[in-house]
Protein backbone atom coordinates (compact mmCIF):
# COMPACT_ATOMS: atom_id res chain seq x y z
CA MET A 1 -0.11 -11.93 -15.32
CA ALA A 2 3.00 -13.94 -16.54
CA ILE A 3 6.42 -16.03 -15.95
CA LYS A 4 8.89 -14.07 -18.24
CA SER A 5 12.12 -14.17 -19.80
CA TYR A 6 15.08 -11.54 -19.38
CA GLU A 7 14.58 -10.79 -23.26
CA GLU A 8 10.84 -10.76 -23.16
CA LEU A 9 10.70 -8.75 -20.42
CA SER A 10 13.67 -6.05 -21.51
CA ARG A 11 11.59 -5.13 -24.77
CA ASP A 12 8.99 -5.24 -22.96
CA ILE A 13 10.27 -2.52 -20.56
CA LYS A 14 11.62 -0.72 -23.43
CA ASN A 15 8.46 -0.28 -25.32
CA LYS A 16 7.29 1.33 -21.67
CA ILE A 17 4.79 -2.02 -21.27
CA TYR A 18 4.82 -1.94 -17.19
CA HIS A 19 3.19 -4.10 -14.74
CA PRO A 20 2.17 -3.12 -11.11
CA VAL A 21 4.46 -5.87 -9.28
CA TYR A 22 7.69 -7.32 -10.35
CA LEU A 23 9.23 -10.42 -8.32
CA LEU A 24 12.92 -10.15 -9.58
CA GLN A 25 14.25 -13.71 -7.81
CA GLY A 26 16.89 -16.29 -7.86
CA ASP A 27 20.63 -17.59 -7.75
CA GLU A 28 22.00 -14.62 -10.66
CA ALA A 29 21.99 -11.64 -9.14
CA PHE A 30 23.58 -10.11 -12.52
CA TYR A 31 19.93 -10.19 -14.64
CA ILE A 32 17.99 -9.17 -11.08
CA ASP A 33 19.99 -5.99 -11.11
CA LYS A 34 19.66 -5.68 -15.00
CA ILE A 35 15.99 -5.86 -15.06
CA SER A 36 15.78 -3.26 -12.04
CA ASP A 37 17.98 -0.97 -13.15
CA LEU A 38 16.17 -0.99 -16.31
CA LEU A 39 12.97 -0.39 -14.97
CA GLU A 40 14.58 2.21 -12.85
CA ASP A 41 16.09 4.30 -15.76
CA THR A 42 13.01 3.94 -17.98
CA VAL A 43 9.90 4.65 -15.85
CA LEU A 44 10.50 7.94 -14.56
CA ASN A 45 12.51 10.81 -16.25
CA ASP A 46 14.79 12.54 -14.07
CA MET A 47 12.09 15.28 -12.87
CA GLU A 48 9.67 12.74 -11.72
CA LYS A 49 12.40 10.88 -9.63
CA GLU A 50 12.58 13.53 -7.41
CA PHE A 51 8.93 12.86 -6.22
CA ASN A 52 7.93 9.80 -7.33
CA GLN A 53 10.67 7.04 -6.79
CA SER A 54 11.10 4.94 -3.10
CA ILE A 55 14.47 2.88 -2.57
CA VAL A 56 14.20 0.93 0.53
CA TYR A 57 15.92 -2.63 1.47
CA GLY A 58 14.06 -5.43 2.70
CA ARG A 59 15.74 -5.59 6.17
CA ASP A 60 14.47 -2.01 6.91
CA LEU A 61 11.29 -2.72 6.17
CA GLU A 62 7.59 -3.48 7.71
CA ALA A 63 4.59 -4.56 5.68
CA PRO A 64 2.43 -1.69 6.72
CA GLU A 65 5.59 0.63 6.06
CA MET A 66 5.76 -0.69 2.37
CA VAL A 67 1.88 -0.99 1.65
CA SER A 68 1.61 3.20 2.82
CA ILE A 69 4.56 3.64 0.19
CA VAL A 70 3.27 1.60 -2.48
CA LYS A 71 -0.79 2.99 -2.25
CA ARG A 72 0.90 6.81 -2.70
CA TYR A 73 -0.18 8.20 -5.75
CA PRO A 74 2.08 9.49 -8.40
CA MET A 75 2.64 13.53 -8.38
CA MET A 76 2.96 14.98 -11.96
CA SER A 77 3.81 11.52 -13.44
CA ASN A 78 1.89 8.72 -14.30
CA TYR A 79 3.56 6.38 -12.28
CA GLN A 80 5.72 5.64 -9.16
CA VAL A 81 8.28 3.35 -8.31
CA VAL A 82 9.20 1.18 -5.40
CA LEU A 83 12.26 -0.88 -5.42
CA ILE A 84 12.49 -2.58 -2.60
CA LYS A 85 16.60 -3.73 -2.69
CA GLU A 86 17.89 -7.30 -1.04
CA ALA A 87 14.12 -7.94 -0.41
CA GLN A 88 15.17 -11.77 0.36
CA ASP A 89 15.33 -9.91 4.12
CA PHE A 90 12.00 -8.07 4.10
CA LYS A 91 10.44 -10.65 6.62
CA ALA A 92 6.42 -10.08 5.70
CA LEU A 93 7.83 -11.35 2.00
CA MET A 94 9.81 -14.13 2.86
CA GLY A 95 8.91 -15.16 6.60
CA LYS A 96 11.22 -14.83 9.43
CA LYS A 97 14.49 -15.41 10.13
CA SER A 98 16.07 -18.21 12.73
CA GLU A 99 19.32 -17.11 14.68
CA ASP A 100 21.65 -18.75 12.49
CA GLY A 101 20.05 -16.24 9.38
CA ASP A 102 18.27 -19.12 7.90
CA ILE A 103 14.74 -18.75 6.61
CA GLU A 104 12.45 -20.17 8.50
CA LYS A 105 8.79 -21.50 6.77
CA GLU A 106 5.79 -20.13 8.98
CA ASP A 107 1.96 -19.86 8.64
CA GLU A 108 0.71 -18.88 5.73
CA PRO A 109 -0.36 -15.51 6.51
CA SER A 110 -4.05 -14.83 6.98
CA GLU A 111 -6.12 -12.71 4.29
CA LYS A 112 -5.82 -9.75 6.76
CA ASN A 113 -2.18 -9.86 5.91
CA PRO A 114 -2.06 -6.23 4.25
CA LEU A 115 1.07 -7.26 1.98
CA ILE A 116 -1.09 -10.01 0.51
CA ASN A 117 -4.50 -7.69 0.23
CA TYR A 118 -2.26 -4.85 -1.60
CA LEU A 119 -0.58 -7.82 -4.08
CA ASN A 120 -4.36 -9.14 -4.70
CA ASN A 121 -4.95 -5.63 -5.69
CA PRO A 122 -1.96 -3.28 -6.39
CA LEU A 123 -2.33 0.16 -7.97
CA LYS A 124 -1.76 0.31 -11.48
CA SER A 125 0.48 3.81 -11.09
CA THR A 126 2.72 2.08 -8.57
CA VAL A 127 5.85 -0.16 -10.33
CA LEU A 128 6.78 -2.12 -7.59
CA ILE A 129 9.99 -4.02 -7.72
CA LEU A 130 11.29 -7.01 -5.69
CA CYS A 131 14.33 -8.11 -5.63
CA VAL A 132 14.87 -11.08 -3.70
CA LYS A 133 18.48 -12.49 -4.52
CA TYR A 134 19.67 -16.01 -4.19
CA LYS A 135 16.53 -17.32 -2.80
CA THR A 136 12.81 -17.61 -4.29
CA LEU A 137 9.66 -17.56 -2.93
CA ASP A 138 7.23 -20.65 -2.27
CA LYS A 139 5.29 -21.05 -5.60
CA ARG A 140 2.40 -22.71 -3.44
CA GLY A 141 2.11 -19.52 -0.99
CA LYS A 142 -0.56 -16.92 -1.25
CA ILE A 143 2.09 -14.23 -1.98
CA TYR A 144 3.52 -15.93 -4.69
CA LYS A 145 0.22 -16.78 -6.30
CA ALA A 146 -1.24 -13.10 -6.09
CA ILE A 147 2.53 -11.47 -7.44
CA GLU A 148 1.95 -14.01 -10.52
CA LYS A 149 -1.53 -13.76 -10.90
CA ASN A 150 -1.10 -9.53 -11.05
CA GLY A 151 1.95 -8.67 -11.95
CA ILE A 152 5.70 -10.31 -13.20
CA VAL A 153 7.40 -13.22 -12.00
CA TYR A 154 11.47 -13.37 -13.22
CA GLU A 155 13.36 -15.84 -11.92
CA SER A 156 17.29 -15.79 -12.81
CA LYS A 157 19.06 -19.25 -12.50
CA LYS A 158 22.69 -19.53 -12.37
CA ILE A 159 24.14 -20.21 -15.56
CA TYR A 160 26.16 -23.28 -16.69
CA GLU A 161 29.82 -23.75 -16.27
CA ASN A 162 29.87 -24.92 -19.73
CA LYS A 163 27.69 -21.94 -21.28
CA VAL A 164 29.97 -19.00 -19.93
CA PRO A 165 32.35 -19.46 -22.84
CA GLU A 166 29.58 -18.82 -25.04
CA TRP A 167 28.12 -16.26 -22.48
CA ILE A 168 30.96 -14.25 -22.96
CA GLU A 169 31.49 -13.91 -26.69
CA LYS A 170 27.81 -13.06 -26.87
CA TYR A 171 27.90 -9.99 -24.07
CA LEU A 172 31.62 -8.91 -26.15
CA ALA A 173 29.49 -9.34 -29.75
CA GLU A 174 27.23 -6.80 -28.59
CA LYS A 175 29.61 -4.14 -27.88
CA ASN A 176 31.53 -4.97 -31.19
CA PHE A 177 33.98 -7.05 -30.15
CA LYS A 178 35.11 -10.88 -30.99
CA ILE A 179 37.27 -13.37 -28.70
CA ALA A 180 39.22 -15.73 -29.40
CA PRO A 181 37.87 -19.51 -28.26
CA VAL A 182 40.38 -20.31 -26.24
CA ALA A 183 40.71 -16.57 -24.55
CA ALA A 184 36.75 -17.27 -24.11
CA LYS A 185 37.56 -20.52 -22.12
CA LEU A 186 40.52 -18.91 -20.43
CA MET A 187 38.08 -16.30 -18.98
CA ALA A 188 35.60 -18.51 -18.12
CA ASP A 189 37.60 -20.96 -16.34
CA HIS A 190 39.33 -18.70 -14.41
CA LEU A 191 36.52 -16.54 -13.35
CA GLY A 192 33.71 -19.10 -13.02
CA THR A 193 30.25 -18.45 -13.10
CA ASP A 194 29.72 -15.09 -11.48
CA LEU A 195 28.46 -13.28 -14.46
CA SER A 196 28.61 -9.92 -12.31
CA LYS A 197 32.51 -10.57 -12.06
CA VAL A 198 32.49 -11.80 -15.82
CA VAL A 199 31.02 -8.61 -16.90
CA ASN A 200 33.85 -6.26 -14.85
CA GLU A 201 36.42 -8.06 -16.95
CA CYS A 202 35.04 -7.83 -19.80
CA ASP A 203 34.82 -4.01 -19.51
CA LYS A 204 38.04 -3.79 -18.48
CA LEU A 205 39.40 -5.48 -21.26
CA LEU A 206 37.38 -3.28 -23.71
CA ILE A 207 39.06 0.29 -22.07
CA ASN A 208 41.74 0.50 -24.60
CA GLN A 209 40.75 -1.72 -27.19
CA LYS A 210 38.97 -0.16 -30.91
CA PRO A 211 35.82 -1.62 -31.32
CA GLY A 212 36.06 -4.68 -33.76
CA THR A 213 38.86 -6.23 -32.15
CA THR A 214 39.21 -9.96 -31.51
CA ILE A 215 40.41 -10.20 -28.01
CA ASP A 216 43.06 -13.06 -27.59
CA VAL A 217 44.97 -14.25 -24.42
CA SER A 218 47.57 -11.73 -24.31
CA ILE A 219 45.01 -8.89 -24.54
CA ILE A 220 43.57 -10.81 -21.12
CA GLU A 221 47.20 -10.89 -19.60
CA THR A 222 47.89 -7.21 -19.87
CA ASN A 223 44.50 -5.99 -19.06
CA ILE A 224 43.43 -9.05 -16.65
CA GLY A 225 46.32 -10.57 -15.12
CA ILE A 226 45.62 -13.93 -15.99
CA SER A 227 48.67 -15.45 -16.89
CA LYS A 228 48.65 -16.84 -21.03
CA ASP A 229 51.21 -19.70 -20.17
CA PHE A 230 50.25 -20.47 -16.11
CA ASN A 231 46.50 -21.29 -16.03
CA ILE A 232 44.09 -23.75 -15.17
CA PHE A 233 43.38 -24.06 -18.93
CA GLU A 234 47.08 -24.69 -19.67
CA LEU A 235 47.35 -27.02 -16.93
CA GLN A 236 44.33 -28.93 -18.34
CA SER A 237 45.33 -29.06 -21.61
CA ALA A 238 48.96 -30.25 -20.41
CA LEU A 239 47.38 -33.38 -18.47
CA GLY A 240 45.30 -34.00 -21.54
CA GLN A 241 48.66 -34.33 -23.40
CA ARG A 242 50.47 -35.88 -20.53
CA ASN A 243 52.92 -33.30 -20.77
CA ILE A 244 54.82 -34.05 -17.43
CA ILE A 245 57.29 -31.02 -17.62
CA LYS A 246 54.93 -28.72 -18.78
CA ALA A 247 52.41 -29.22 -15.93
CA THR A 248 55.08 -29.63 -13.29
CA ARG A 249 55.81 -25.83 -14.63
CA ILE A 250 52.35 -24.53 -14.34
CA VAL A 251 52.11 -26.64 -10.99
CA ASN A 252 55.04 -24.64 -9.23
CA TYR A 253 53.79 -21.23 -10.24
CA PHE A 254 50.46 -22.45 -8.80
CA ARG A 255 51.83 -22.79 -5.83
CA ALA A 256 53.63 -19.92 -5.70
CA ASN A 257 50.61 -17.84 -6.32
CA PRO A 258 47.73 -19.51 -4.29
CA LYS A 259 45.32 -16.57 -4.02
CA SER A 260 45.36 -16.20 -7.88
CA ASN A 261 44.84 -20.25 -8.28
CA PRO A 262 42.85 -21.35 -5.49
CA PHE A 263 42.89 -24.96 -4.81
CA VAL A 264 39.10 -25.52 -4.58
CA LEU A 265 38.89 -23.79 -7.77
CA THR A 266 41.06 -26.16 -9.50
CA ILE A 267 39.37 -29.04 -7.85
CA PHE A 268 35.88 -28.42 -9.74
CA ASN A 269 37.87 -27.56 -12.80
CA PHE A 270 39.75 -31.21 -13.12
CA TYR A 271 36.11 -32.68 -12.27
CA SER A 272 34.41 -30.91 -15.00
CA TYR A 273 37.18 -31.58 -17.54
CA PHE A 274 37.94 -35.64 -16.46
CA SER A 275 33.99 -35.91 -16.56
CA LYS A 276 33.82 -34.86 -19.83
CA ILE A 277 36.33 -37.15 -20.95
CA ILE A 278 34.01 -39.87 -19.51
CA MET A 279 31.49 -38.91 -21.57
CA TYR A 280 33.94 -39.14 -24.95
CA HIS A 281 34.64 -42.67 -23.84
CA SER A 282 31.06 -43.56 -23.44
CA LEU A 283 29.85 -42.16 -26.99
CA ALA A 284 28.84 -44.71 -29.59
CA ASP A 285 29.15 -41.93 -32.14
CA LYS A 286 32.49 -39.81 -32.10
CA SER A 287 31.63 -37.90 -35.04
CA LYS A 288 32.28 -33.96 -34.17
CA ASN A 289 29.05 -32.83 -34.79
CA ASN A 290 27.98 -35.73 -32.00
CA VAL A 291 31.21 -34.87 -30.13
CA VAL A 292 29.79 -31.13 -29.26
CA ALA A 293 26.31 -31.91 -28.78
CA ALA A 294 26.74 -34.65 -25.77
CA LEU A 295 30.16 -32.59 -24.46
CA LYS A 296 28.62 -29.18 -24.88
CA VAL A 297 32.01 -27.94 -25.79
CA ASN A 298 33.10 -25.28 -28.43
CA PRO A 299 34.28 -27.22 -32.05
CA PHE A 300 37.72 -25.48 -31.08
CA PHE A 301 38.33 -27.79 -28.53
CA ILE A 302 37.54 -31.29 -29.36
CA GLY A 303 40.74 -32.37 -31.26
CA ASP A 304 41.69 -31.63 -26.98
CA TYR A 305 39.35 -33.85 -25.74
CA GLU A 306 40.22 -36.65 -28.96
CA THR A 307 44.16 -36.63 -27.30
CA ALA A 308 43.31 -37.05 -23.67
CA ALA A 309 41.31 -39.92 -24.27
CA LYS A 310 43.55 -41.39 -26.52
CA ASN A 311 45.96 -40.38 -23.38
CA TYR A 312 43.60 -41.93 -20.74
CA PRO A 313 41.84 -45.20 -20.89
CA LEU A 314 38.32 -45.21 -19.42
CA PRO A 315 39.67 -47.45 -15.98
CA LYS A 316 42.31 -44.45 -15.63
CA VAL A 317 40.13 -41.59 -15.84
CA ILE A 318 37.23 -43.44 -13.09
CA GLN A 319 40.61 -43.68 -10.98
CA ILE A 320 41.50 -40.02 -11.45
CA ILE A 321 37.88 -38.61 -10.94
CA SER A 322 38.48 -41.06 -7.20
CA THR A 323 41.39 -39.27 -6.71
CA LEU A 324 39.64 -35.87 -7.46
CA ARG A 325 37.25 -36.62 -4.92
CA GLU A 326 39.97 -37.62 -2.28
CA TYR A 327 41.92 -34.23 -2.29
CA ASP A 328 38.80 -32.59 -2.37
CA LEU A 329 38.34 -34.33 1.02
CA LYS A 330 42.11 -33.58 2.02
CA SER A 331 41.54 -29.86 1.10
CA LYS A 332 38.57 -29.89 3.72
CA GLY A 333 40.91 -31.13 6.45
CA VAL A 334 39.58 -35.05 6.11
CA ASN A 335 42.65 -37.55 6.49
CA ASN A 336 44.81 -34.73 5.97
CA ASN A 337 47.71 -33.59 8.62
CA GLN A 338 47.84 -30.03 7.48
CA THR A 339 49.28 -30.54 4.11
CA PRO A 340 49.41 -27.15 2.48
CA GLU A 341 47.23 -26.92 -0.34
CA GLY A 342 50.03 -26.26 -2.65
CA ASP A 343 52.02 -29.80 -1.91
CA LEU A 344 47.95 -31.60 -2.34
CA LEU A 345 48.17 -30.27 -5.91
CA ARG A 346 51.44 -31.30 -6.60
CA GLU A 347 50.94 -34.63 -5.38
CA LEU A 348 47.21 -34.69 -6.97
CA VAL A 349 48.92 -34.14 -10.52
CA TYR A 350 51.56 -36.48 -10.26
CA LYS A 351 48.93 -39.25 -9.56
CA ILE A 352 47.07 -37.82 -12.63
CA LEU A 353 50.03 -38.15 -14.60
CA HIS A 354 51.31 -41.82 -13.29
């Protein structure tokens, strides 16, 4: 039938427009869970669920068993719901696994395959939900083509790192809260792109806050435990300003709290930050609107990149990128005589600043 967006799917489900098969797949588990939860909560009422809802896990399932479940007719309801969680472990859907756990490509199943036969002619009274996390089906395969023809395919893609602050702002706005740009950036830099983790932390923030409140860094520090003074955002700001005293103070804090400030995440954020400074240097048009479009950052932070570009000429930034790669390898044991990550960070920041 179609490949749909999250917004389209949500709207259809809320309007009770259902399809016989849903393939929810991709690297971002958050939206897969959101859609499957919405279907689970909407299609059947509590009384109907007792007789017409089946939840099974892919690793425990064989094709004939699944087909026998989905071919049942609902009792005292228009629909039955069959939810296959962790469907990436369902061999008949994904293929067999090798000894190391990776999916191996196998021969295309024949037309006698019961799963393909069902997907080519699914019951309209069954809503089958296949949740395939961190993997996707081969679009050339018969199973995918059958689902695409007779059901719905939704691919949940990982959000880009630079989009997380905006996503946080939108999520909080839907709950009638605002967040300061600095606070959104702080959360994004600390939490990364795992939206389930981001939502959990956002919800923590709101427990003791009144609707309409603007979330600032002080609220984040109190409720999440991210220090408003000693975090990756403040360290990047200190580096951009070439503020040696402030940068050293934050590095010492990171060294004393390594679990809260993993070196691998620090390297990742540094690389993103200095890559944007290279982009800034390369722009012929350095007007605010053009810089915002090119760097894909909130206009609030443009001044920070202007300052950093003045403090770090292009040849120096290129050298810094090379140094980041060197220390990334050192953190993985390459040319590193067991130097602790805290000491690697201190060396790295010294080389950036000097």
